[in-house]
């Protein structure tokens, strides 16, 4: 994997302990349109509003206007020390770090 591909991969995964089935903690790669979500403390999407979400799916927290940016609060994702170490080694900024630095 090239350095650019590694950086892209590291910056498009997140950790969420309850979504890991076998041996938490794990990281989850964002493979689809989830790559177009951005961070915002006042986010318009997130886990299911009634608390029954799976930790992986995003649900609207309010009505979202056509053309409005989709956002989530990356600061709510779990920090995994071994993953943060790998991100630092490759010069990547993890979603968790973005969320915690921009609250």
PDB file of N, CA and C in Angstrom:
ATOM      1  N   UNK A   1       0.858  -1.162   0.000  1.00  0.00           N
ATOM      2  CA  UNK A   1       0.000   0.000   0.000  1.00  0.00           C
ATOM      3  C   UNK A   1       0.909   1.232   0.000  1.00  0.00           C
ATOM      4  N   UNK A   2       0.584   2.188  -0.843  1.00  0.00           N
ATOM      5  CA  UNK A   2       1.383   3.412  -0.893  1.00  0.00           C
ATOM      6  C   UNK A   2       1.136   4.249   0.362  1.00  0.00           C
ATOM      7  N   UNK A   3       2.018   5.194   0.626  1.00  0.00           N
ATOM      8  CA  UNK A   3       1.857   6.076   1.790  1.00  0.00           C
ATOM      9  C   UNK A   3       0.564   6.878   1.684  1.00  0.00           C
ATOM     10  N   UNK A   4       0.225   7.332   0.464  1.00  0.00           N
ATOM     11  CA  UNK A   4      -1.019   8.094   0.269  1.00  0.00           C
ATOM     12  C   UNK A   4      -2.248   7.226   0.542  1.00  0.00           C
ATOM     13  N   UNK A   5      -2.207   5.961   0.072  1.00  0.00           N
ATOM     14  CA  UNK A   5      -3.330   5.047   0.328  1.00  0.00           C
ATOM     15  C   UNK A   5      -3.463   4.741   1.816  1.00  0.00           C
ATOM     16  N   UNK A   6      -2.327   4.565   2.496  1.00  0.00           N
ATOM     17  CA  UNK A   6      -2.358   4.306   3.940  1.00  0.00           C
ATOM     18  C   UNK A   6      -2.958   5.497   4.685  1.00  0.00           C
ATOM     19  N   UNK A   7      -2.556   6.701   4.302  1.00  0.00           N
ATOM     20  CA  UNK A   7      -3.088   7.910   4.934  1.00  0.00           C
ATOM     21  C   UNK A   7      -4.595   8.015   4.718  1.00  0.00           C
ATOM     22  N   UNK A   8      -5.051   7.761   3.490  1.00  0.00           N
ATOM     23  CA  UNK A   8      -6.487   7.816   3.193  1.00  0.00           C
ATOM     24  C   UNK A   8      -7.252   6.791   4.011  1.00  0.00           C
ATOM     25  N   UNK A   9      -6.722   5.578   4.112  1.00  0.00           N
ATOM     26  CA  UNK A   9      -7.376   4.537   4.894  1.00  0.00           C
ATOM     27  C   UNK A   9      -7.453   4.935   6.373  1.00  0.00           C
ATOM     28  N   UNK A  10      -6.345   5.372   6.927  1.00  0.00           N
ATOM     29  CA  UNK A  10      -6.314   5.719   8.346  1.00  0.00           C
ATOM     30  C   UNK A  10      -7.257   6.857   8.695  1.00  0.00           C
ATOM     31  N   UNK A  11      -7.479   7.751   7.770  1.00  0.00           N
ATOM     32  CA  UNK A  11      -8.351   8.898   8.037  1.00  0.00           C
ATOM     33  C   UNK A  11      -9.814   8.622   7.701  1.00  0.00           C
ATOM     34  N   UNK A  12     -10.124   7.394   7.257  1.00  0.00           N
ATOM     35  CA  UNK A  12     -11.508   7.038   6.937  1.00  0.00           C
ATOM     36  C   UNK A  12     -11.950   5.765   7.643  1.00  0.00           C
ATOM     37  N   UNK A  13     -11.490   5.604   8.860  1.00  0.00           N
ATOM     38  CA  UNK A  13     -11.987   4.550   9.725  1.00  0.00           C
ATOM     39  C   UNK A  13     -12.294   5.179  11.073  1.00  0.00           C
ATOM     40  N   UNK A  14     -13.104   4.514  11.859  1.00  0.00           N
ATOM     41  CA  UNK A  14     -13.409   5.012  13.190  1.00  0.00           C
ATOM     42  C   UNK A  14     -13.569   3.835  14.134  1.00  0.00           C
ATOM     43  N   UNK A  15     -13.580   4.134  15.394  1.00  0.00           N
ATOM     44  CA  UNK A  15     -13.723   3.072  16.388  1.00  0.00           C
ATOM     45  C   UNK A  15     -14.979   3.307  17.203  1.00  0.00           C
ATOM     46  N   UNK A  16     -15.665   2.219  17.474  1.00  0.00           N
ATOM     47  CA  UNK A  16     -16.886   2.287  18.267  1.00  0.00           C
ATOM     48  C   UNK A  16     -17.046   0.933  18.924  1.00  0.00           C
ATOM     49  N   UNK A  17     -16.729   0.849  20.198  1.00  0.00           N
ATOM     50  CA  UNK A  17     -16.636  -0.433  20.891  1.00  0.00           C
ATOM     51  C   UNK A  17     -17.873  -1.304  20.779  1.00  0.00           C
ATOM     52  N   UNK A  18     -19.059  -0.731  20.901  1.00  0.00           N
ATOM     53  CA  UNK A  18     -20.262  -1.575  20.902  1.00  0.00           C
ATOM     54  C   UNK A  18     -20.552  -2.177  19.529  1.00  0.00           C
ATOM     55  N   UNK A  19     -19.905  -1.691  18.486  1.00  0.00           N
ATOM     56  CA  UNK A  19     -20.120  -2.238  17.151  1.00  0.00           C
ATOM     57  C   UNK A  19     -19.222  -3.445  16.884  1.00  0.00           C
ATOM     58  N   UNK A  20     -18.248  -3.682  17.751  1.00  0.00           N
ATOM     59  CA  UNK A  20     -17.305  -4.776  17.562  1.00  0.00           C
ATOM     60  C   UNK A  20     -17.866  -6.044  18.192  1.00  0.00           C
ATOM     61  N   UNK A  21     -17.999  -7.077  17.395  1.00  0.00           N
ATOM     62  CA  UNK A  21     -18.665  -8.292  17.846  1.00  0.00           C
ATOM     63  C   UNK A  21     -17.727  -9.213  18.619  1.00  0.00           C
ATOM     64  N   UNK A  22     -16.549  -9.471  18.089  1.00  0.00           N
ATOM     65  CA  UNK A  22     -15.698 -10.511  18.658  1.00  0.00           C
ATOM     66  C   UNK A  22     -14.840 -10.047  19.823  1.00  0.00           C
ATOM     67  N   UNK A  23     -13.902  -9.158  19.559  1.00  0.00           N
ATOM     68  CA  UNK A  23     -12.939  -8.776  20.584  1.00  0.00           C
ATOM     69  C   UNK A  23     -12.687  -7.279  20.531  1.00  0.00           C
ATOM     70  N   UNK A  24     -13.532  -6.486  21.157  1.00  0.00           N
ATOM     71  CA  UNK A  24     -13.323  -5.038  21.137  1.00  0.00           C
ATOM     72  C   UNK A  24     -11.985  -4.696  21.771  1.00  0.00           C
ATOM     73  N   UNK A  25     -11.366  -3.616  21.428  1.00  0.00           N
ATOM     74  CA  UNK A  25     -11.835  -2.607  20.478  1.00  0.00           C
ATOM     75  C   UNK A  25     -11.399  -2.923  19.047  1.00  0.00           C
ATOM     76  N   UNK A  26     -12.113  -2.367  18.103  1.00  0.00           N
ATOM     77  CA  UNK A  26     -11.785  -2.551  16.696  1.00  0.00           C
ATOM     78  C   UNK A  26     -12.001  -1.228  15.959  1.00  0.00           C
ATOM     79  N   UNK A  27     -11.557  -1.191  14.735  1.00  0.00           N
ATOM     80  CA  UNK A  27     -11.816  -0.035  13.885  1.00  0.00           C
ATOM     81  C   UNK A  27     -12.694  -0.473  12.728  1.00  0.00           C
ATOM     82  N   UNK A  28     -13.496   0.440  12.222  1.00  0.00           N
ATOM     83  CA  UNK A  28     -14.451   0.153  11.161  1.00  0.00           C
ATOM     84  C   UNK A  28     -14.129   1.047   9.979  1.00  0.00           C
ATOM     85  N   UNK A  29     -13.895   0.442   8.817  1.00  0.00           N
ATOM     86  CA  UNK A  29     -13.597   1.215   7.613  1.00  0.00           C
ATOM     87  C   UNK A  29     -14.890   1.738   6.999  1.00  0.00           C
ATOM     88  N   UNK A  30     -14.853   2.993   6.594  1.00  0.00           N
ATOM     89  CA  UNK A  30     -15.995   3.615   5.929  1.00  0.00           C
ATOM     90  C   UNK A  30     -15.845   3.351   4.430  1.00  0.00           C
ATOM     91  N   UNK A  31     -16.743   2.541   3.876  1.00  0.00           N
ATOM     92  CA  UNK A  31     -16.598   2.096   2.493  1.00  0.00           C
ATOM     93  C   UNK A  31     -17.504   2.822   1.505  1.00  0.00           C
ATOM     94  N   UNK A  32     -18.539   3.470   1.968  1.00  0.00           N
ATOM     95  CA  UNK A  32     -19.529   3.998   1.037  1.00  0.00           C
ATOM     96  C   UNK A  32     -19.662   5.509   1.173  1.00  0.00           C
ATOM     97  N   UNK A  33     -20.867   6.008   1.043  1.00  0.00           N
ATOM     98  CA  UNK A  33     -21.106   7.442   1.109  1.00  0.00           C
ATOM     99  C   UNK A  33     -20.822   8.024   2.478  1.00  0.00           C
ATOM    100  N   UNK A  34     -20.548   7.194   3.459  1.00  0.00           N
ATOM    101  CA  UNK A  34     -20.181   7.693   4.772  1.00  0.00           C
ATOM    102  C   UNK A  34     -18.950   8.563   4.736  1.00  0.00           C
ATOM    103  N   UNK A  35     -18.146   8.439   3.673  1.00  0.00           N
ATOM    104  CA  UNK A  35     -16.953   9.271   3.542  1.00  0.00           C
ATOM    105  C   UNK A  35     -17.292  10.737   3.320  1.00  0.00           C
ATOM    106  N   UNK A  36     -18.561  11.048   3.044  1.00  0.00           N
ATOM    107  CA  UNK A  36     -18.919  12.453   2.808  1.00  0.00           C
ATOM    108  C   UNK A  36     -19.417  13.131   4.086  1.00  0.00           C
ATOM    109  N   UNK A  37     -19.476  12.431   5.203  1.00  0.00           N
ATOM    110  CA  UNK A  37     -19.860  13.028   6.483  1.00  0.00           C
ATOM    111  C   UNK A  37     -18.694  13.850   6.998  1.00  0.00           C
ATOM    112  N   UNK A  38     -18.986  14.950   7.649  1.00  0.00           N
ATOM    113  CA  UNK A  38     -17.965  15.773   8.285  1.00  0.00           C
ATOM    114  C   UNK A  38     -18.260  15.904   9.767  1.00  0.00           C
ATOM    115  N   UNK A  39     -17.276  16.396  10.507  1.00  0.00           N
ATOM    116  CA  UNK A  39     -17.439  16.572  11.945  1.00  0.00           C
ATOM    117  C   UNK A  39     -18.108  17.906  12.258  1.00  0.00           C
ATOM    118  N   UNK A  40     -18.985  17.900  13.239  1.00  0.00           N
ATOM    119  CA  UNK A  40     -19.563  19.124  13.791  1.00  0.00           C
ATOM    120  C   UNK A  40     -20.072  18.822  15.194  1.00  0.00           C
ATOM    121  N   UNK A  41     -19.729  19.670  16.167  1.00  0.00           N
ATOM    122  CA  UNK A  41     -20.241  19.446  17.517  1.00  0.00           C
ATOM    123  C   UNK A  41     -21.772  19.467  17.562  1.00  0.00           C
ATOM    124  N   UNK A  42     -22.385  20.313  16.739  1.00  0.00           N
ATOM    125  CA  UNK A  42     -23.850  20.399  16.661  1.00  0.00           C
ATOM    126  C   UNK A  42     -24.298  19.576  15.449  1.00  0.00           C
ATOM    127  N   UNK A  43     -24.036  18.287  15.499  1.00  0.00           N
ATOM    128  CA  UNK A  43     -24.219  17.390  14.353  1.00  0.00           C
ATOM    129  C   UNK A  43     -25.693  17.102  14.075  1.00  0.00           C
ATOM    130  N   UNK A  44     -25.972  16.818  12.795  1.00  0.00           N
ATOM    131  CA  UNK A  44     -27.359  16.537  12.408  1.00  0.00           C
ATOM    132  C   UNK A  44     -27.641  15.041  12.243  1.00  0.00           C
ATOM    133  N   UNK A  45     -26.635  14.188  12.387  1.00  0.00           N
ATOM    134  CA  UNK A  45     -26.830  12.740  12.364  1.00  0.00           C
ATOM    135  C   UNK A  45     -26.099  12.128  13.552  1.00  0.00           C
ATOM    136  N   UNK A  46     -26.390  10.868  13.822  1.00  0.00           N
ATOM    137  CA  UNK A  46     -25.715  10.166  14.908  1.00  0.00           C
ATOM    138  C   UNK A  46     -26.379   8.838  15.164  1.00  0.00           C
ATOM    139  N   UNK A  47     -26.104   8.271  16.334  1.00  0.00           N
ATOM    140  CA  UNK A  47     -26.723   7.008  16.703  1.00  0.00           C
ATOM    141  C   UNK A  47     -28.234   7.210  16.813  1.00  0.00           C
ATOM    142  N   UNK A  48     -28.983   6.148  16.814  1.00  0.00           N
ATOM    143  CA  UNK A  48     -30.444   6.252  16.837  1.00  0.00           C
ATOM    144  C   UNK A  48     -30.894   7.079  18.038  1.00  0.00           C
ATOM    145  N   UNK A  49     -31.818   8.022  17.826  1.00  0.00           N
ATOM    146  CA  UNK A  49     -32.254   8.915  18.910  1.00  0.00           C
ATOM    147  C   UNK A  49     -32.810   8.216  20.144  1.00  0.00           C
ATOM    148  N   UNK A  50     -33.376   7.020  19.978  1.00  0.00           N
ATOM    149  CA  UNK A  50     -33.923   6.341  21.163  1.00  0.00           C
ATOM    150  C   UNK A  50     -32.903   5.424  21.837  1.00  0.00           C
ATOM    151  N   UNK A  51     -31.648   5.485  21.368  1.00  0.00           N
ATOM    152  CA  UNK A  51     -30.582   4.707  21.988  1.00  0.00           C
ATOM    153  C   UNK A  51     -30.495   3.272  21.546  1.00  0.00           C
ATOM    154  N   UNK A  52     -31.296   2.864  20.558  1.00  0.00           N
ATOM    155  CA  UNK A  52     -31.282   1.468  20.127  1.00  0.00           C
ATOM    156  C   UNK A  52     -30.405   1.234  18.902  1.00  0.00           C
ATOM    157  N   UNK A  53     -29.647   2.222  18.483  1.00  0.00           N
ATOM    158  CA  UNK A  53     -28.818   2.068  17.290  1.00  0.00           C
ATOM    159  C   UNK A  53     -27.724   1.036  17.477  1.00  0.00           C
ATOM    160  N   UNK A  54     -27.101   0.674  16.377  1.00  0.00           N
ATOM    161  CA  UNK A  54     -26.068  -0.352  16.403  1.00  0.00           C
ATOM    162  C   UNK A  54     -24.664   0.220  16.539  1.00  0.00           C
ATOM    163  N   UNK A  55     -24.534   1.539  16.593  1.00  0.00           N
ATOM    164  CA  UNK A  55     -23.223   2.160  16.711  1.00  0.00           C
ATOM    165  C   UNK A  55     -22.507   2.308  15.389  1.00  0.00           C
ATOM    166  N   UNK A  56     -23.069   1.783  14.340  1.00  0.00           N
ATOM    167  CA  UNK A  56     -22.460   1.867  13.011  1.00  0.00           C
ATOM    168  C   UNK A  56     -23.321   2.710  12.079  1.00  0.00           C
ATOM    169  N   UNK A  57     -24.622   2.568  12.181  1.00  0.00           N
ATOM    170  CA  UNK A  57     -25.540   3.293  11.300  1.00  0.00           C
ATOM    171  C   UNK A  57     -25.741   4.717  11.803  1.00  0.00           C
ATOM    172  N   UNK A  58     -26.008   5.633  10.864  1.00  0.00           N
ATOM    173  CA  UNK A  58     -26.302   7.019  11.216  1.00  0.00           C
ATOM    174  C   UNK A  58     -27.771   7.303  10.961  1.00  0.00           C
ATOM    175  N   UNK A  59     -28.356   8.054  11.854  1.00  0.00           N
ATOM    176  CA  UNK A  59     -29.760   8.440  11.763  1.00  0.00           C
ATOM    177  C   UNK A  59     -29.855   9.953  11.852  1.00  0.00           C
ATOM    178  N   UNK A  60     -30.841  10.522  11.187  1.00  0.00           N
ATOM    179  CA  UNK A  60     -31.061  11.965  11.282  1.00  0.00           C
ATOM    180  C   UNK A  60     -31.513  12.308  12.695  1.00  0.00           C
ATOM    181  N   UNK A  61     -30.896  13.330  13.281  1.00  0.00           N
ATOM    182  CA  UNK A  61     -31.288  13.798  14.609  1.00  0.00           C
ATOM    183  C   UNK A  61     -32.360  14.878  14.509  1.00  0.00           C
ATOM    184  N   UNK A  62     -32.552  15.385  13.301  1.00  0.00           N
ATOM    185  CA  UNK A  62     -33.552  16.413  13.018  1.00  0.00           C
ATOM    186  C   UNK A  62     -33.788  16.398  11.510  1.00  0.00           C
ATOM    187  N   UNK A  63     -34.727  17.192  11.026  1.00  0.00           N
ATOM    188  CA  UNK A  63     -34.929  17.297   9.584  1.00  0.00           C
ATOM    189  C   UNK A  63     -33.670  17.901   8.961  1.00  0.00           C
ATOM    190  N   UNK A  64     -33.228  17.309   7.864  1.00  0.00           N
ATOM    191  CA  UNK A  64     -32.035  17.776   7.160  1.00  0.00           C
ATOM    192  C   UNK A  64     -32.479  18.287   5.800  1.00  0.00           C
ATOM    193  N   UNK A  65     -32.145  19.529   5.522  1.00  0.00           N
ATOM    194  CA  UNK A  65     -32.561  20.165   4.272  1.00  0.00           C
ATOM    195  C   UNK A  65     -31.801  19.578   3.084  1.00  0.00           C
ATOM    196  N   UNK A  66     -32.436  19.583   1.928  1.00  0.00           N
ATOM    197  CA  UNK A  66     -31.773  19.138   0.699  1.00  0.00           C
ATOM    198  C   UNK A  66     -30.520  19.983   0.494  1.00  0.00           C
ATOM    199  N   UNK A  67     -29.411  19.327   0.216  1.00  0.00           N
ATOM    200  CA  UNK A  67     -28.155  20.024  -0.020  1.00  0.00           C
ATOM    201  C   UNK A  67     -27.376  20.366   1.241  1.00  0.00           C
ATOM    202  N   UNK A  68     -27.962  20.126   2.417  1.00  0.00           N
ATOM    203  CA  UNK A  68     -27.275  20.425   3.678  1.00  0.00           C
ATOM    204  C   UNK A  68     -26.186  19.388   3.931  1.00  0.00           C
ATOM    205  N   UNK A  69     -25.078  19.834   4.453  1.00  0.00           N
ATOM    206  CA  UNK A  69     -23.962  18.951   4.771  1.00  0.00           C
ATOM    207  C   UNK A  69     -24.378  17.948   5.855  1.00  0.00           C
ATOM    208  N   UNK A  70     -23.957  16.694   5.713  1.00  0.00           N
ATOM    209  CA  UNK A  70     -24.208  15.672   6.726  1.00  0.00           C
ATOM    210  C   UNK A  70     -23.060  15.697   7.728  1.00  0.00           C
ATOM    211  N   UNK A  71     -23.390  15.742   9.015  1.00  0.00           N
ATOM    212  CA  UNK A  71     -22.361  15.847  10.047  1.00  0.00           C
ATOM    213  C   UNK A  71     -22.621  14.868  11.184  1.00  0.00           C
ATOM    214  N   UNK A  72     -21.556  14.529  11.885  1.00  0.00           N
ATOM    215  CA  UNK A  72     -21.619  13.682  13.068  1.00  0.00           C
ATOM    216  C   UNK A  72     -20.595  14.230  14.057  1.00  0.00           C
ATOM    217  N   UNK A  73     -20.677  13.840  15.304  1.00  0.00           N
ATOM    218  CA  UNK A  73     -19.719  14.290  16.309  1.00  0.00           C
ATOM    219  C   UNK A  73     -18.659  13.207  16.478  1.00  0.00           C
ATOM    220  N   UNK A  74     -17.527  13.374  15.815  1.00  0.00           N
ATOM    221  CA  UNK A  74     -16.453  12.386  15.870  1.00  0.00           C
ATOM    222  C   UNK A  74     -15.879  12.236  17.277  1.00  0.00           C
ATOM    223  N   UNK A  75     -16.079  13.241  18.106  1.00  0.00           N
ATOM    224  CA  UNK A  75     -15.577  13.182  19.471  1.00  0.00           C
ATOM    225  C   UNK A  75     -16.272  12.139  20.323  1.00  0.00           C
ATOM    226  N   UNK A  76     -17.390  11.589  19.844  1.00  0.00           N
ATOM    227  CA  UNK A  76     -18.102  10.548  20.595  1.00  0.00           C
ATOM    228  C   UNK A  76     -17.580   9.148  20.283  1.00  0.00           C
ATOM    229  N   UNK A  77     -16.720   9.034  19.271  1.00  0.00           N
ATOM    230  CA  UNK A  77     -16.169   7.729  18.928  1.00  0.00           C
ATOM    231  C   UNK A  77     -15.125   7.334  19.970  1.00  0.00           C
ATOM    232  N   UNK A  78     -14.892   6.047  20.110  1.00  0.00           N
ATOM    233  CA  UNK A  78     -13.927   5.554  21.094  1.00  0.00           C
ATOM    234  C   UNK A  78     -12.500   5.764  20.614  1.00  0.00           C
ATOM    235  N   UNK A  79     -11.637   6.174  21.529  1.00  0.00           N
ATOM    236  CA  UNK A  79     -10.218   6.299  21.222  1.00  0.00           C
ATOM    237  C   UNK A  79      -9.546   4.964  21.520  1.00  0.00           C
ATOM    238  N   UNK A  80      -8.777   4.474  20.559  1.00  0.00           N
ATOM    239  CA  UNK A  80      -8.056   3.217  20.726  1.00  0.00           C
ATOM    240  C   UNK A  80      -6.563   3.543  20.648  1.00  0.00           C
ATOM    241  N   UNK A  81      -5.837   3.412  21.736  1.00  0.00           N
ATOM    242  CA  UNK A  81      -4.435   3.837  21.764  1.00  0.00           C
ATOM    243  C   UNK A  81      -3.560   3.253  20.653  1.00  0.00           C
ATOM    244  N   UNK A  82      -3.690   1.956  20.352  1.00  0.00           N
ATOM    245  CA  UNK A  82      -2.834   1.377  19.310  1.00  0.00           C
ATOM    246  C   UNK A  82      -3.128   1.989  17.948  1.00  0.00           C
ATOM    247  N   UNK A  83      -4.403   2.338  17.706  1.00  0.00           N
ATOM    248  CA  UNK A  83      -4.762   2.938  16.433  1.00  0.00           C
ATOM    249  C   UNK A  83      -4.239   4.373  16.348  1.00  0.00           C
ATOM    250  N   UNK A  84      -4.346   5.112  17.445  1.00  0.00           N
ATOM    251  CA  UNK A  84      -3.824   6.483  17.469  1.00  0.00           C
ATOM    252  C   UNK A  84      -2.324   6.482  17.216  1.00  0.00           C
ATOM    253  N   UNK A  85      -1.608   5.496  17.746  1.00  0.00           N
ATOM    254  CA  UNK A  85      -0.162   5.387  17.532  1.00  0.00           C
ATOM    255  C   UNK A  85       0.150   5.182  16.050  1.00  0.00           C
ATOM    256  N   UNK A  86      -0.606   4.304  15.401  1.00  0.00           N
ATOM    257  CA  UNK A  86      -0.402   4.076  13.962  1.00  0.00           C
ATOM    258  C   UNK A  86      -0.681   5.359  13.183  1.00  0.00           C
ATOM    259  N   UNK A  87      -1.752   6.073  13.531  1.00  0.00           N
ATOM    260  CA  UNK A  87      -2.066   7.334  12.843  1.00  0.00           C
ATOM    261  C   UNK A  87      -0.917   8.322  12.963  1.00  0.00           C
ATOM    262  N   UNK A  88      -0.360   8.454  14.148  1.00  0.00           N
ATOM    263  CA  UNK A  88       0.765   9.377  14.351  1.00  0.00           C
ATOM    264  C   UNK A  88       1.953   8.964  13.500  1.00  0.00           C
ATOM    265  N   UNK A  89       2.235   7.671  13.443  1.00  0.00           N
ATOM    266  CA  UNK A  89       3.369   7.173  12.647  1.00  0.00           C
ATOM    267  C   UNK A  89       3.220   7.533  11.174  1.00  0.00           C
ATOM    268  N   UNK A  90       1.997   7.539  10.652  1.00  0.00           N
ATOM    269  CA  UNK A  90       1.751   7.827   9.240  1.00  0.00           C
ATOM    270  C   UNK A  90       1.361   9.282   8.978  1.00  0.00           C
ATOM    271  N   UNK A  91       1.311  10.092  10.019  1.00  0.00           N
ATOM    272  CA  UNK A  91       0.933  11.498   9.845  1.00  0.00           C
ATOM    273  C   UNK A  91      -0.549  11.691   9.592  1.00  0.00           C
ATOM    274  N   UNK A  92      -1.357  10.724  10.013  1.00  0.00           N
ATOM    275  CA  UNK A  92      -2.807  10.797   9.824  1.00  0.00           C
ATOM    276  C   UNK A  92      -3.457  11.421  11.052  1.00  0.00           C
ATOM    277  N   UNK A  93      -4.579  12.059  10.840  1.00  0.00           N
ATOM    278  CA  UNK A  93      -5.380  12.585  11.935  1.00  0.00           C
ATOM    279  C   UNK A  93      -6.632  11.727  12.031  1.00  0.00           C
ATOM    280  N   UNK A  94      -6.765  10.990  13.126  1.00  0.00           N
ATOM    281  CA  UNK A  94      -7.921  10.108  13.276  1.00  0.00           C
ATOM    282  C   UNK A  94      -9.194  10.921  13.454  1.00  0.00           C
ATOM    283  N   UNK A  95     -10.322  10.297  13.136  1.00  0.00           N
ATOM    284  CA  UNK A  95     -11.618  10.954  13.328  1.00  0.00           C
ATOM    285  C   UNK A  95     -11.808  11.371  14.777  1.00  0.00           C
ATOM    286  N   UNK A  96     -11.386  10.529  15.703  1.00  0.00           N
ATOM    287  CA  UNK A  96     -11.546  10.836  17.121  1.00  0.00           C
ATOM    288  C   UNK A  96     -10.774  12.100  17.477  1.00  0.00           C
ATOM    289  N   UNK A  97      -9.530  12.194  16.982  1.00  0.00           N
ATOM    290  CA  UNK A  97      -8.733  13.378  17.291  1.00  0.00           C
ATOM    291  C   UNK A  97      -9.330  14.630  16.680  1.00  0.00           C
ATOM    292  N   UNK A  98      -9.858  14.523  15.459  1.00  0.00           N
ATOM    293  CA  UNK A  98     -10.539  15.655  14.834  1.00  0.00           C
ATOM    294  C   UNK A  98     -11.705  16.103  15.720  1.00  0.00           C
ATOM    295  N   UNK A  99     -12.508  15.141  16.167  1.00  0.00           N
ATOM    296  CA  UNK A  99     -13.670  15.454  16.990  1.00  0.00           C
ATOM    297  C   UNK A  99     -13.325  16.093  18.313  1.00  0.00           C
ATOM    298  N   UNK A 100     -12.259  15.631  18.917  1.00  0.00           N
ATOM    299  CA  UNK A 100     -11.891  16.168  20.242  1.00  0.00           C
ATOM    300  C   UNK A 100     -11.172  17.507  20.136  1.00  0.00           C
ATOM    301  N   UNK A 101     -10.501  17.755  19.026  1.00  0.00           N
ATOM    302  CA  UNK A 101      -9.817  19.039  18.847  1.00  0.00           C
ATOM    303  C   UNK A 101     -10.749  20.145  18.377  1.00  0.00           C
ATOM    304  N   UNK A 102     -11.875  19.769  17.793  1.00  0.00           N
ATOM    305  CA  UNK A 102     -12.790  20.771  17.198  1.00  0.00           C
ATOM    306  C   UNK A 102     -14.164  20.702  17.821  1.00  0.00           C
ATOM    307  N   UNK A 103     -14.227  20.834  19.112  1.00  0.00           N
ATOM    308  CA  UNK A 103     -15.521  20.839  19.821  1.00  0.00           C
ATOM    309  C   UNK A 103     -15.958  22.251  20.059  1.00  0.00           C
TER     310      UNK A 103
END
